Protein backbone atom coordinates (compact mmCIF):
# COMPACT_ATOMS: atom_id res chain seq x y z
CA UNK A 1 -38.05 -116.67 19.19
CA UNK A 2 -39.09 -119.27 16.51
CA UNK A 3 -40.03 -118.22 12.90
CA UNK A 4 -41.22 -119.88 9.68
CA UNK A 5 -40.08 -118.31 6.73
CA UNK A 6 -39.12 -118.81 3.00
CA UNK A 7 -35.23 -118.64 2.83
CA UNK A 8 -32.97 -118.25 -0.36
CA UNK A 9 -29.96 -120.59 -0.27
CA UNK A 10 -28.99 -120.18 -4.02
CA UNK A 11 -29.99 -120.47 -7.47
CA UNK A 12 -33.65 -121.34 -7.72
CA UNK A 13 -32.97 -122.92 -4.12
CA UNK A 14 -36.02 -121.80 -2.10
CA UNK A 15 -36.73 -123.67 1.39
CA UNK A 16 -39.77 -123.06 3.55
CA UNK A 17 -38.08 -123.56 7.06
CA UNK A 18 -38.77 -123.07 10.80
CA UNK A 19 -35.57 -121.46 12.70
CA UNK A 20 -34.42 -119.73 15.45
CA UNK A 21 -34.88 -115.55 15.27
CA UNK A 22 -31.39 -113.68 17.02
CA UNK A 23 -31.80 -112.53 20.18
CA UNK A 24 -33.49 -108.97 20.29
CA UNK A 25 -30.89 -106.23 21.44
CA UNK A 26 -31.56 -102.36 22.17
CA UNK A 27 -31.41 -101.21 18.86
CA UNK A 28 -33.82 -104.02 17.12
CA UNK A 29 -37.48 -104.50 16.65
CA UNK A 30 -39.37 -107.88 16.30
CA UNK A 31 -42.27 -107.77 14.17
CA UNK A 32 -45.19 -109.99 12.81
CA UNK A 33 -45.83 -110.03 8.96
CA UNK A 34 -48.86 -109.93 7.93
CA UNK A 35 -49.03 -109.55 4.38
CA UNK A 36 -46.15 -109.28 1.10
CA UNK A 37 -46.87 -109.16 -2.37
CA UNK A 38 -44.77 -111.28 -4.58
CA UNK A 39 -42.41 -108.95 -7.10
CA UNK A 40 -40.65 -110.13 -10.27
CA UNK A 41 -37.64 -109.15 -8.86
CA UNK A 42 -37.77 -111.80 -6.59
CA UNK A 43 -38.26 -114.05 -9.10
CA UNK A 44 -34.87 -112.52 -11.09
CA UNK A 45 -33.10 -112.77 -7.98
CA UNK A 46 -33.96 -116.49 -7.16
CA UNK A 47 -32.91 -117.36 -11.05
CA UNK A 48 -29.59 -115.68 -10.15
CA UNK A 49 -28.99 -116.77 -6.69
CA UNK A 50 -25.56 -115.67 -5.02
CA UNK A 51 -24.82 -113.77 -8.79
CA UNK A 52 -27.50 -111.24 -8.12
CA UNK A 53 -25.68 -108.10 -6.68
CA UNK A 54 -28.14 -107.65 -3.88
CA UNK A 55 -27.64 -110.99 -2.27
CA UNK A 56 -24.86 -112.26 -0.25
CA UNK A 57 -21.88 -113.90 -1.55
CA UNK A 58 -22.07 -116.73 1.10
CA UNK A 59 -25.99 -117.06 0.74
CA UNK A 60 -25.44 -120.91 0.62
CA UNK A 61 -24.22 -121.01 3.96
CA UNK A 62 -25.95 -118.06 5.39
CA UNK A 63 -29.33 -118.07 3.72
CA UNK A 64 -31.77 -114.80 3.45
CA UNK A 65 -35.33 -114.13 3.84
CA UNK A 66 -37.07 -113.26 0.64
CA UNK A 67 -39.77 -110.82 0.05
CA UNK A 68 -39.64 -107.09 0.00
CA UNK A 69 -43.30 -105.57 -0.40
CA UNK A 70 -44.29 -106.34 3.19
CA UNK A 71 -46.52 -105.26 6.19
CA UNK A 72 -47.05 -105.85 9.62
CA UNK A 73 -47.01 -105.09 13.04
CA UNK A 74 -44.66 -104.41 15.82
CA UNK A 75 -44.38 -107.13 18.57
CA UNK A 76 -41.37 -105.92 20.69
CA UNK A 77 -39.17 -102.74 20.54
CA UNK A 78 -35.52 -102.39 21.85
CA UNK A 79 -34.68 -99.89 24.08
CA UNK A 80 -33.38 -97.57 21.66
CA UNK A 81 -36.79 -97.06 19.82
CA UNK A 82 -38.80 -97.02 22.68
CA UNK A 83 -39.91 -93.52 22.02
CA UNK A 84 -40.48 -93.81 18.36
CA UNK A 85 -42.11 -97.37 17.69
CA UNK A 86 -44.67 -99.14 19.97
CA UNK A 87 -45.84 -102.91 20.15
CA UNK A 88 -49.31 -103.14 17.73
CA UNK A 89 -47.89 -100.35 15.22
CA UNK A 90 -48.62 -101.15 11.76
CA UNK A 91 -45.57 -100.40 9.50
CA UNK A 92 -45.01 -100.73 5.85
CA UNK A 93 -40.92 -100.68 4.61
CA UNK A 94 -38.75 -99.05 2.14
CA UNK A 95 -36.29 -102.04 1.38
CA UNK A 96 -33.49 -100.45 0.07
CA UNK A 97 -31.51 -99.92 3.08
CA UNK A 98 -28.33 -97.99 2.01
CA UNK A 99 -27.95 -97.60 -1.88
CA UNK A 100 -25.15 -95.28 -1.94
CA UNK A 101 -22.57 -97.47 -0.14
CA UNK A 102 -24.03 -101.05 -0.56
CA UNK A 103 -27.02 -103.22 -2.44
CA UNK A 104 -28.06 -104.24 0.87
CA UNK A 105 -31.91 -104.61 0.42
CA UNK A 106 -34.47 -106.40 2.78
CA UNK A 107 -35.56 -109.19 0.80
CA UNK A 108 -32.25 -109.95 -0.84
CA UNK A 109 -29.52 -109.31 1.84
CA UNK A 110 -30.74 -110.20 5.30
CA UNK A 111 -30.92 -113.25 7.03
CA UNK A 112 -33.67 -112.02 9.77
CA UNK A 113 -35.64 -109.97 8.18
CA UNK A 114 -37.96 -110.36 4.77
CA UNK A 115 -41.46 -110.22 3.63
CA UNK A 116 -42.05 -114.24 3.36
CA UNK A 117 -41.49 -115.03 6.98
CA UNK A 118 -44.28 -115.27 9.90
CA UNK A 119 -42.07 -113.19 12.03
CA UNK A 120 -38.72 -111.41 11.64
CA UNK A 121 -36.29 -109.26 13.71
CA UNK A 122 -35.43 -105.93 12.33
CA UNK A 123 -31.94 -105.06 12.57
CA UNK A 124 -30.90 -101.84 14.27
CA UNK A 125 -29.01 -100.69 10.65
CA UNK A 126 -32.41 -100.80 8.72
CA UNK A 127 -34.47 -98.83 11.72
CA UNK A 128 -31.84 -96.10 12.04
CA UNK A 129 -31.93 -95.53 8.21
CA UNK A 130 -35.61 -94.48 8.24
CA UNK A 131 -36.81 -97.73 6.20
CA UNK A 132 -39.62 -98.77 8.75
CA UNK A 133 -42.49 -96.61 7.98
CA UNK A 134 -45.61 -95.88 9.92
CA UNK A 135 -49.28 -97.00 8.19
CA UNK A 136 -52.28 -96.25 9.11
CA UNK A 137 -54.23 -98.03 6.10
CA UNK A 138 -56.94 -100.27 7.17
CA UNK A 139 -56.06 -102.92 4.88
CA UNK A 140 -52.60 -104.55 5.46
CA UNK A 141 -52.56 -105.35 1.52
CA UNK A 142 -52.21 -101.57 0.93
CA UNK A 143 -48.78 -101.55 2.87
CA UNK A 144 -47.40 -104.20 1.10
CA UNK A 145 -48.33 -102.32 -2.32
CA UNK A 146 -46.99 -99.12 -1.45
CA UNK A 147 -43.28 -100.60 -1.91
CA UNK A 148 -44.35 -101.25 -5.91
CA UNK A 149 -46.37 -97.94 -5.67
CA UNK A 150 -43.22 -96.12 -4.52
CA UNK A 151 -40.94 -97.57 -7.43
CA UNK A 152 -43.65 -96.15 -9.74
CA UNK A 153 -43.46 -92.75 -7.97
CA UNK A 154 -39.81 -92.43 -8.43
CA UNK A 155 -40.33 -93.51 -12.25
CA UNK A 156 -42.56 -90.33 -12.30
CA UNK A 157 -40.11 -88.26 -10.31
CA UNK A 158 -36.85 -89.03 -12.03
CA UNK A 159 -38.39 -88.46 -15.74
CA UNK A 160 -37.19 -85.03 -16.55
CA UNK A 161 -37.47 -82.34 -19.41
CA UNK A 162 -34.81 -79.92 -20.39
CA UNK A 163 -36.80 -76.67 -21.11
CA UNK A 164 -36.88 -74.21 -23.86
CA UNK A 165 -33.85 -71.77 -23.66
CA UNK A 166 -32.02 -72.77 -20.41
CA UNK A 167 -30.81 -76.13 -19.80
CA UNK A 168 -32.35 -76.42 -16.25
CA UNK A 169 -33.72 -79.96 -15.98
CA UNK A 170 -37.50 -79.93 -15.25
CA UNK A 171 -38.35 -83.06 -12.66
CA UNK A 172 -41.48 -85.30 -13.33
CA UNK A 173 -43.63 -85.99 -16.38
CA UNK A 174 -44.96 -83.13 -18.37
CA UNK A 175 -48.12 -81.88 -16.81
CA UNK A 176 -50.65 -81.66 -19.35
CA UNK A 177 -48.43 -83.68 -21.76
CA UNK A 178 -48.88 -86.77 -24.13
CA UNK A 179 -47.88 -90.05 -22.17
CA UNK A 180 -47.76 -93.27 -23.08
CA UNK A 181 -47.11 -96.74 -21.06
CA UNK A 182 -45.70 -99.43 -23.41
CA UNK A 183 -46.71 -103.09 -22.28
CA UNK A 184 -48.87 -101.36 -19.76
CA UNK A 185 -51.39 -104.11 -18.58
CA UNK A 186 -49.04 -105.65 -15.98
CA UNK A 187 -49.19 -105.18 -12.55
CA UNK A 188 -46.73 -102.46 -12.68
CA UNK A 189 -48.16 -101.02 -15.75
CA UNK A 190 -51.74 -100.58 -14.05
CA UNK A 191 -49.85 -98.97 -11.05
CA UNK A 192 -48.38 -96.62 -13.51
CA UNK A 193 -51.78 -95.97 -15.32
CA UNK A 194 -53.40 -95.42 -11.90
CA UNK A 195 -50.79 -92.84 -10.50
CA UNK A 196 -50.60 -91.26 -14.09
CA UNK A 197 -54.43 -90.89 -13.86
CA UNK A 198 -54.67 -89.47 -10.18
CA UNK A 199 -51.38 -88.68 -8.90
CA UNK A 200 -50.40 -84.86 -8.52
CA UNK A 201 -49.51 -84.24 -11.94
CA UNK A 202 -51.70 -85.62 -15.27
CA UNK A 203 -51.09 -85.69 -18.64
CA UNK A 204 -53.81 -84.81 -20.91
CA UNK A 205 -53.47 -87.83 -23.31
CA UNK A 206 -52.50 -91.22 -22.42
CA UNK A 207 -52.35 -94.32 -24.52
CA UNK A 208 -51.73 -97.69 -22.89
CA UNK A 209 -50.41 -100.81 -25.06
CA UNK A 210 -50.26 -104.65 -24.39
CA UNK A 211 -50.79 -107.66 -26.86
CA UNK A 212 -52.29 -109.46 -23.96
CA UNK A 213 -56.42 -109.01 -25.26
CA UNK A 214 -57.70 -110.58 -21.92
CA UNK A 215 -55.34 -108.00 -19.97
CA UNK A 216 -56.54 -105.27 -21.79
CA UNK A 217 -59.91 -105.83 -21.36
CA UNK A 218 -59.04 -106.15 -17.61
CA UNK A 219 -57.44 -102.70 -17.46
CA UNK A 220 -60.19 -101.28 -19.40
CA UNK A 221 -62.86 -102.26 -17.03
CA UNK A 222 -60.93 -100.91 -14.06
CA UNK A 223 -59.96 -97.69 -15.78
CA UNK A 224 -63.08 -96.73 -17.94
CA UNK A 225 -61.98 -93.79 -20.72
CA UNK A 226 -65.40 -91.82 -19.87
CA UNK A 227 -64.18 -92.08 -16.04
CA UNK A 228 -60.40 -90.56 -17.55
CA UNK A 229 -62.54 -88.05 -19.74
CA UNK A 230 -64.08 -86.39 -16.45
CA UNK A 231 -60.85 -85.79 -15.21
CA UNK A 232 -59.65 -84.08 -18.33
CA UNK A 233 -57.59 -87.19 -19.66
CA UNK A 234 -58.06 -88.57 -22.92
CA UNK A 235 -57.60 -92.38 -22.34
CA UNK A 236 -56.79 -95.37 -25.10
CA UNK A 237 -56.10 -98.96 -24.35
CA UNK A 238 -54.24 -100.81 -27.68
CA UNK A 239 -53.88 -104.11 -28.97
CA UNK A 240 -50.76 -103.95 -30.62
CA UNK A 241 -50.29 -107.71 -31.28
CA UNK A 242 -51.13 -107.81 -35.22
CA UNK A 243 -51.18 -104.03 -36.35
CA UNK A 244 -48.33 -101.40 -36.79
CA UNK A 245 -48.06 -100.01 -33.33
CA UNK A 246 -46.04 -96.99 -34.51
CA UNK A 247 -48.41 -96.10 -36.87
CA UNK A 248 -51.28 -96.74 -33.99
CA UNK A 249 -49.80 -94.58 -31.89
CA UNK A 250 -48.75 -91.88 -33.95
CA UNK A 251 -52.53 -91.87 -35.48
CA UNK A 252 -53.64 -90.66 -31.86
CA UNK A 253 -50.59 -88.13 -31.17
CA UNK A 254 -49.15 -87.30 -34.36
CA UNK A 255 -46.34 -85.09 -32.97
CA UNK A 256 -44.76 -88.18 -30.39
CA UNK A 257 -45.52 -88.32 -26.74
CA UNK A 258 -43.65 -86.46 -24.07
CA UNK A 259 -43.34 -88.96 -21.54
CA UNK A 260 -42.83 -92.81 -22.24
CA UNK A 261 -42.55 -95.56 -19.73
CA UNK A 262 -41.32 -98.71 -21.13
CA UNK A 263 -42.74 -101.94 -18.87
CA UNK A 264 -41.24 -104.36 -20.77
CA UNK A 265 -37.43 -105.62 -21.06
CA UNK A 266 -38.07 -106.21 -24.87
CA UNK A 267 -35.87 -104.71 -27.71
CA UNK A 268 -38.75 -104.24 -30.06
CA UNK A 269 -40.75 -102.45 -27.22
CA UNK A 270 -37.64 -100.24 -26.30
CA UNK A 271 -37.16 -99.44 -29.70
CA UNK A 272 -40.71 -98.30 -30.32
CA UNK A 273 -40.72 -96.16 -27.36
CA UNK A 274 -37.81 -94.39 -28.71
CA UNK A 275 -39.32 -94.04 -32.42
CA UNK A 276 -42.14 -92.38 -30.65
CA UNK A 277 -40.81 -89.43 -28.26
CA UNK A 278 -41.62 -86.03 -29.26
CA UNK A 279 -38.97 -83.26 -28.78
CA UNK A 280 -37.58 -83.06 -25.32
CA UNK A 281 -39.32 -86.07 -24.50
CA UNK A 282 -38.42 -88.56 -21.69
CA UNK A 283 -38.23 -92.31 -22.18
CA UNK A 284 -38.47 -94.04 -18.50
CA UNK A 285 -37.04 -97.84 -19.26
CA UNK A 286 -38.82 -99.01 -16.03
CA UNK A 287 -38.45 -102.72 -16.94
CA UNK A 288 -35.46 -104.12 -15.14
CA UNK A 289 -33.90 -106.98 -17.53
CA UNK A 290 -32.25 -109.92 -16.20
CA UNK A 291 -29.66 -110.10 -19.44
CA UNK A 292 -26.20 -107.81 -18.00
CA UNK A 293 -25.71 -107.52 -21.62
CA UNK A 294 -29.39 -106.28 -22.54
CA UNK A 295 -29.27 -103.50 -25.53
CA UNK A 296 -31.37 -102.14 -27.89
CA UNK A 297 -31.28 -98.93 -30.62
CA UNK A 298 -31.61 -95.38 -29.78
CA UNK A 299 -31.71 -92.86 -32.57
CA UNK A 300 -28.93 -90.31 -31.26
CA UNK A 301 -29.75 -88.20 -34.09
CA UNK A 302 -33.01 -87.14 -31.90
CA UNK A 303 -30.90 -87.48 -28.61
CA UNK A 304 -29.07 -84.34 -30.26
CA UNK A 305 -31.35 -82.42 -32.51
CA UNK A 306 -34.58 -83.23 -30.52
CA UNK A 307 -33.34 -83.17 -27.33
CA UNK A 308 -35.01 -86.65 -26.37
CA UNK A 309 -33.95 -88.20 -22.96
CA UNK A 310 -33.48 -91.77 -21.60
CA UNK A 311 -34.02 -92.48 -17.50
CA UNK A 312 -33.86 -95.71 -15.81
CA UNK A 313 -35.17 -96.50 -12.15
CA UNK A 314 -34.85 -99.36 -9.60
CA UNK A 315 -36.95 -99.02 -6.84
CA UNK A 316 -38.06 -95.99 -4.64
CA UNK A 317 -36.87 -93.98 -2.12
CA UNK A 318 -38.26 -93.23 1.55
CA UNK A 319 -39.76 -90.04 0.16
CA UNK A 320 -41.77 -92.06 -2.67
CA UNK A 321 -42.81 -94.39 -0.13
CA UNK A 322 -43.88 -91.78 2.25
CA UNK A 323 -46.13 -90.24 -0.80
CA UNK A 324 -47.28 -93.69 -2.14
CA UNK A 325 -48.79 -93.85 1.76
CA UNK A 326 -50.07 -90.48 1.92
CA UNK A 327 -51.95 -90.78 -1.56
CA UNK A 328 -53.57 -93.92 -0.28
CA UNK A 329 -54.58 -92.47 2.80
CA UNK A 330 -56.43 -89.93 1.00
CA UNK A 331 -57.95 -92.67 -1.38
CA UNK A 332 -56.12 -90.85 -4.36
CA UNK A 333 -54.60 -93.84 -5.95
CA UNK A 334 -55.83 -97.58 -5.95
CA UNK A 335 -52.90 -99.89 -5.90
CA UNK A 336 -55.27 -103.11 -5.22
CA UNK A 337 -55.77 -102.96 -9.01
CA UNK A 338 -52.98 -104.55 -9.28
CA UNK A 339 -53.84 -107.61 -7.49
CA UNK A 340 -55.12 -111.02 -8.75
CA UNK A 341 -54.03 -113.81 -6.65
CA UNK A 342 -53.97 -114.74 -3.11
CA UNK A 343 -52.13 -117.29 -1.03
CA UNK A 344 -50.14 -118.33 1.75
CA UNK A 345 -46.82 -119.07 3.15
CA UNK A 346 -46.72 -122.59 1.80
CA UNK A 347 -47.32 -121.24 -1.77
CA UNK A 348 -44.41 -118.96 -1.83
CA UNK A 349 -41.52 -121.06 -3.26
CA UNK A 350 -43.65 -122.47 -6.35
CA UNK A 351 -45.53 -118.83 -6.82
CA UNK A 352 -41.96 -117.12 -7.03
CA UNK A 353 -40.19 -119.49 -9.28
CA UNK A 354 -42.91 -120.16 -11.66
CA UNK A 355 -43.89 -116.21 -11.83
CA UNK A 356 -43.30 -115.42 -15.52
CA UNK A 357 -46.01 -118.24 -16.23
CA UNK A 358 -48.85 -117.63 -13.92
CA UNK A 359 -51.46 -115.04 -15.47
CA UNK A 360 -52.51 -112.14 -13.87
CA UNK A 361 -51.16 -109.45 -11.99
CA UNK A 362 -49.49 -109.55 -8.46
CA UNK A 363 -49.78 -112.09 -6.24
CA UNK A 364 -50.48 -111.27 -2.17
CA UNK A 365 -49.18 -113.68 0.39
CA UNK A 366 -50.39 -113.92 3.91
CA UNK A 367 -47.59 -115.67 5.82
CA UNK A 368 -49.65 -116.49 8.75
CA UNK A 369 -51.86 -118.78 6.80
CA UNK A 370 -51.26 -121.91 4.76
CA UNK A 371 -53.36 -121.69 1.33
CA UNK A 372 -52.32 -122.35 -2.18
CA UNK A 373 -52.36 -119.43 -4.65
CA UNK A 374 -55.94 -118.78 -5.75
CA UNK A 375 -57.09 -116.70 -8.32
CA UNK A 376 -59.80 -113.90 -7.13
CA UNK A 377 -61.86 -114.93 -10.36
CA UNK A 378 -61.70 -118.29 -9.06
CA UNK A 379 -63.53 -117.55 -5.92
CA UNK A 380 -66.54 -118.15 -6.98
CA UNK A 381 -66.12 -121.64 -8.64
CA UNK A 382 -64.52 -122.61 -5.31
CA UNK A 383 -67.23 -121.30 -3.35
CA UNK A 384 -69.78 -123.85 -5.19
CA UNK A 385 -68.22 -126.51 -2.66
CA UNK A 386 -66.49 -124.26 0.16
CA UNK A 387 -68.78 -121.38 1.55
CA UNK A 388 -65.99 -119.59 2.91
CA UNK A 389 -65.13 -118.77 -0.74
CA UNK A 390 -68.58 -118.16 -1.95
CA UNK A 391 -68.40 -115.16 0.99
CA UNK A 392 -64.75 -113.82 -0.29
CA UNK A 393 -66.47 -113.76 -3.73
CA UNK A 394 -69.44 -111.88 -3.03
CA UNK A 395 -67.19 -109.75 -1.21
CA UNK A 396 -65.01 -109.04 -3.58
CA UNK A 397 -67.59 -108.82 -6.37
CA UNK A 398 -68.74 -105.56 -4.62
CA UNK A 399 -65.77 -104.15 -5.39
CA UNK A 400 -65.59 -104.82 -9.17
CA UNK A 401 -63.74 -108.22 -8.93
CA UNK A 402 -60.92 -106.75 -6.71
CA UNK A 403 -59.42 -107.30 -3.35
CA UNK A 404 -60.46 -105.36 -0.43
CA UNK A 405 -60.37 -104.33 3.07
CA UNK A 406 -63.40 -106.46 3.79
CA UNK A 407 -62.16 -109.79 2.09
CA UNK A 408 -58.83 -108.92 3.82
CA UNK A 409 -60.63 -109.10 7.46
CA UNK A 410 -62.50 -112.37 6.36
CA UNK A 411 -59.29 -114.11 5.26
CA UNK A 412 -57.35 -113.31 8.44
CA UNK A 413 -60.35 -113.94 10.86
CA UNK A 414 -61.02 -117.36 8.99
CA UNK A 415 -57.55 -118.66 9.59
CA UNK A 416 -57.00 -116.78 12.59
CA UNK A 417 -54.01 -114.93 12.03
CA UNK A 418 -55.00 -111.75 14.39
């Protein structure tokens, strides 16, 4: 079967191409991709090409399909999996296939499967690792956002505290503790805030910082402090662009913070995070730097005498993805807060290569359509001359300006994807 996909050939070399997929074997699964969200990790991959640890050395001769935050429907099932999967089943994926023995990852390492493709062939190796998970949500975008949410959940689970007397690691953020998200109004930061406010373990105080006033204003609109207070959480949003960030945050919590997520690979942000740790506090350096030599100062006096900790997480596990899907199905978390732009397969290459320069949050791609990358906030203006966008704008307004199941159905029906 032929497919059309965006493939990586090397550093800053992305191509939208139509090509033949391998023949389906008894261990493979043929599937249609309905949605994929663009990740900053893919931008970093494109910037590095074959130098990236997840990209094959021979990518120039054997290109890979990009996109690892995908959701779709099964078309055909190899005989080996006939009792587990059926045509028409919806699925999400855990893209990291085998981190113990290799860095092979969907969207980085495979020629026949990735999120930015119309149709994919999922090899037996991926299926047998349990990376293909059933998805029962109404909107496909939720299945795509389950992957970034799984990364956030993994970060929360990896944070730890040492306890008072015995050196027994207590995994996870501190229940009822003081928490900060530094640089926290980008898409992953918003997901982090959502999980902190609505997840199974919650802080009593949550402080979210950024230096971008527009992003801060959007975050405050999405997460009203009064609503957080109803759940027993004291929520603050701080613009640290011009003031003394350390003093501002110490004023709220003089003893420091039990859990800090640093969402920016910037020395000043990392060092601020270290200075704000409370005794037995944990800093999760969540942001992935492109520079393999990236470093920042850390107070090792506090490491010794105050038992401060530093952890880092990259990606999530199958367990994290299952948790994300369960919380989403129960409507306990709302990852749609991350989304700000919609586009088709033809928008992928340009969007990916310019991702840091495009404002807003996550960009979701629907590979079955052709459509320029379009901000949800621009729907109303476009609607003045296009009834379709007018209807989309009205639909999103009903949900506080957020992408939603109704809007997605309108889009897929308009472009006759399903």
